Structures are given as C-alpha cells and as structure tokens.
Amino acid sequence: MVPMAKHDVLGVIKFLQDNKQRDGEVSLGDVMRLTEVMAGDFKSVLHLYAPSMRQEF
C-alpha cells in the first residue's frame, strides 16, 4: 500500500481531534471532509499505479 501524503494524514488527525472535542458527534459535513481527505490519498495511489496498469493493456 502506498503511504498517505503528509497533508492527508494531518487532515485525518485534525478530523479525529475535532470529533473528540464534540464527544463523538459527527455531522454530514464531517463525513464529507473525511471523504475528501481519503479521496486525495486515493488519487495519489492511482497516479502511482496508472502507468503500470496502462502497460498491462
């Protein structure tokens, strides 16, 4: 697995810290923010593997 970029890891840490301060109450906005962070990480995985996937086809 490809390691997450530093800014993505910091985004997850901030999300978890903010959530802890609200006693675990999560809003839809929180979920969307976490989704954006994880999607950013997924983009980096795709960029890494895309050249090798193209060679297979």
N, C-alpha and C. Protein backbone atom coordinates (compact mmCIF):
# COMPACT_ATOMS: atom_id res chain seq x y z
N MET A 1 0.84 -1.18 0.00
CA MET A 1 0.00 0.00 0.00
C MET A 1 0.88 1.24 0.00
N VAL A 2 0.44 2.24 -0.68
CA VAL A 2 1.17 3.49 -0.79
C VAL A 2 0.92 4.32 0.48
N PRO A 3 1.97 4.87 1.08
CA PRO A 3 1.76 5.70 2.26
C PRO A 3 0.99 6.98 1.91
N MET A 4 0.22 7.45 2.87
CA MET A 4 -0.55 8.69 2.67
C MET A 4 0.40 9.89 2.69
N ALA A 5 0.03 10.91 1.94
CA ALA A 5 0.80 12.15 1.95
C ALA A 5 0.64 12.83 3.31
N LYS A 6 1.64 13.60 3.68
CA LYS A 6 1.65 14.23 4.99
C LYS A 6 0.41 15.09 5.22
N HIS A 7 0.01 15.89 4.21
CA HIS A 7 -1.16 16.75 4.39
C HIS A 7 -2.44 15.94 4.55
N ASP A 8 -2.51 14.74 3.94
CA ASP A 8 -3.68 13.88 4.10
C ASP A 8 -3.74 13.31 5.51
N VAL A 9 -2.59 12.89 6.02
CA VAL A 9 -2.53 12.36 7.38
C VAL A 9 -2.92 13.45 8.38
N LEU A 10 -2.42 14.65 8.18
CA LEU A 10 -2.76 15.76 9.07
C LEU A 10 -4.25 16.07 9.01
N GLY A 11 -4.86 15.93 7.84
CA GLY A 11 -6.30 16.14 7.71
C GLY A 11 -7.09 15.12 8.51
N VAL A 12 -6.67 13.88 8.48
CA VAL A 12 -7.35 12.83 9.26
C VAL A 12 -7.17 13.09 10.75
N ILE A 13 -5.96 13.46 11.16
CA ILE A 13 -5.70 13.75 12.58
C ILE A 13 -6.57 14.91 13.05
N LYS A 14 -6.65 15.96 12.26
CA LYS A 14 -7.49 17.11 12.63
C LYS A 14 -8.95 16.69 12.74
N PHE A 15 -9.43 15.88 11.81
CA PHE A 15 -10.81 15.40 11.86
C PHE A 15 -11.05 14.65 13.17
N LEU A 16 -10.15 13.75 13.52
CA LEU A 16 -10.31 12.96 14.74
C LEU A 16 -10.25 13.82 15.99
N GLN A 17 -9.36 14.79 16.01
CA GLN A 17 -9.27 15.68 17.17
C GLN A 17 -10.53 16.53 17.32
N ASP A 18 -11.02 17.07 16.21
CA ASP A 18 -12.24 17.87 16.25
C ASP A 18 -13.42 17.03 16.71
N ASN A 19 -13.49 15.80 16.23
CA ASN A 19 -14.59 14.90 16.60
C ASN A 19 -14.53 14.56 18.09
N LYS A 20 -13.34 14.37 18.60
CA LYS A 20 -13.18 14.04 20.02
C LYS A 20 -13.65 15.18 20.91
N GLN A 21 -13.41 16.41 20.48
CA GLN A 21 -13.82 17.57 21.27
C GLN A 21 -15.34 17.72 21.31
N ARG A 22 -16.04 17.11 20.36
CA ARG A 22 -17.51 17.19 20.33
C ARG A 22 -18.15 15.91 20.84
N ASP A 23 -17.44 15.15 21.62
CA ASP A 23 -17.95 13.90 22.21
C ASP A 23 -18.45 12.91 21.17
N GLY A 24 -17.80 12.86 20.03
CA GLY A 24 -18.14 11.87 19.02
C GLY A 24 -19.31 12.22 18.13
N GLU A 25 -19.87 13.41 18.28
CA GLU A 25 -20.97 13.82 17.41
C GLU A 25 -20.41 14.15 16.03
N VAL A 26 -20.91 13.47 15.01
CA VAL A 26 -20.39 13.65 13.66
C VAL A 26 -21.50 14.20 12.77
N SER A 27 -21.17 15.24 12.02
CA SER A 27 -22.14 15.82 11.09
C SER A 27 -21.88 15.31 9.68
N LEU A 28 -22.80 15.58 8.80
CA LEU A 28 -22.62 15.21 7.40
C LEU A 28 -21.41 15.95 6.82
N GLY A 29 -21.20 17.19 7.23
CA GLY A 29 -20.02 17.96 6.79
C GLY A 29 -18.73 17.29 7.21
N ASP A 30 -18.71 16.70 8.40
CA ASP A 30 -17.53 15.98 8.87
C ASP A 30 -17.23 14.78 7.98
N VAL A 31 -18.27 14.06 7.64
CA VAL A 31 -18.11 12.89 6.79
C VAL A 31 -17.60 13.31 5.41
N MET A 32 -18.14 14.39 4.88
CA MET A 32 -17.71 14.88 3.57
C MET A 32 -16.24 15.31 3.60
N ARG A 33 -15.83 15.97 4.68
CA ARG A 33 -14.44 16.41 4.80
C ARG A 33 -13.50 15.21 4.85
N LEU A 34 -13.88 14.20 5.63
CA LEU A 34 -13.05 13.00 5.71
C LEU A 34 -13.01 12.29 4.36
N THR A 35 -14.12 12.27 3.65
CA THR A 35 -14.17 11.67 2.32
C THR A 35 -13.22 12.39 1.36
N GLU A 36 -13.18 13.71 1.44
CA GLU A 36 -12.28 14.48 0.58
C GLU A 36 -10.82 14.16 0.87
N VAL A 37 -10.49 14.01 2.14
CA VAL A 37 -9.11 13.67 2.52
C VAL A 37 -8.75 12.29 1.96
N MET A 38 -9.64 11.34 2.14
CA MET A 38 -9.35 9.98 1.68
C MET A 38 -9.33 9.91 0.16
N ALA A 39 -10.16 10.70 -0.51
CA ALA A 39 -10.14 10.73 -1.98
C ALA A 39 -8.82 11.29 -2.48
N GLY A 40 -8.29 12.29 -1.78
CA GLY A 40 -6.98 12.84 -2.15
C GLY A 40 -5.90 11.78 -2.07
N ASP A 41 -5.97 10.93 -1.07
CA ASP A 41 -5.00 9.85 -0.93
C ASP A 41 -5.19 8.83 -2.05
N PHE A 42 -6.43 8.55 -2.40
CA PHE A 42 -6.71 7.59 -3.47
C PHE A 42 -6.17 8.10 -4.80
N LYS A 43 -6.23 9.41 -5.03
CA LYS A 43 -5.67 9.98 -6.25
C LYS A 43 -4.18 9.69 -6.36
N SER A 44 -3.47 9.82 -5.24
CA SER A 44 -2.03 9.57 -5.28
C SER A 44 -1.74 8.10 -5.59
N VAL A 45 -2.59 7.19 -5.11
CA VAL A 45 -2.42 5.77 -5.41
C VAL A 45 -2.64 5.53 -6.91
N LEU A 46 -3.68 6.16 -7.47
CA LEU A 46 -3.96 5.99 -8.89
C LEU A 46 -2.82 6.52 -9.75
N HIS A 47 -2.26 7.67 -9.38
CA HIS A 47 -1.14 8.23 -10.15
C HIS A 47 0.08 7.31 -10.10
N LEU A 48 0.26 6.65 -8.99
CA LEU A 48 1.40 5.75 -8.85
C LEU A 48 1.24 4.50 -9.72
N TYR A 49 0.03 3.92 -9.71
CA TYR A 49 -0.18 2.66 -10.40
C TYR A 49 -0.67 2.80 -11.84
N ALA A 50 -1.12 3.98 -12.25
CA ALA A 50 -1.66 4.15 -13.60
C ALA A 50 -0.69 3.74 -14.70
N PRO A 51 0.57 4.14 -14.63
CA PRO A 51 1.49 3.72 -15.72
C PRO A 51 1.61 2.20 -15.86
N SER A 52 1.69 1.51 -14.75
CA SER A 52 1.84 0.05 -14.84
C SER A 52 0.53 -0.60 -15.31
N MET A 53 -0.62 -0.02 -14.97
CA MET A 53 -1.89 -0.57 -15.44
C MET A 53 -2.02 -0.37 -16.94
N ARG A 54 -1.56 0.76 -17.46
CA ARG A 54 -1.63 1.01 -18.90
C ARG A 54 -0.77 0.01 -19.66
N GLN A 55 0.36 -0.37 -19.09
CA GLN A 55 1.26 -1.31 -19.76
C GLN A 55 0.62 -2.70 -19.87
N GLU A 56 -0.24 -3.03 -18.91
CA GLU A 56 -0.89 -4.34 -18.92
C GLU A 56 -1.87 -4.47 -20.08
N PHE A 57 -2.44 -3.35 -20.51
CA PHE A 57 -3.45 -3.40 -21.57
C PHE A 57 -2.82 -2.90 -22.82
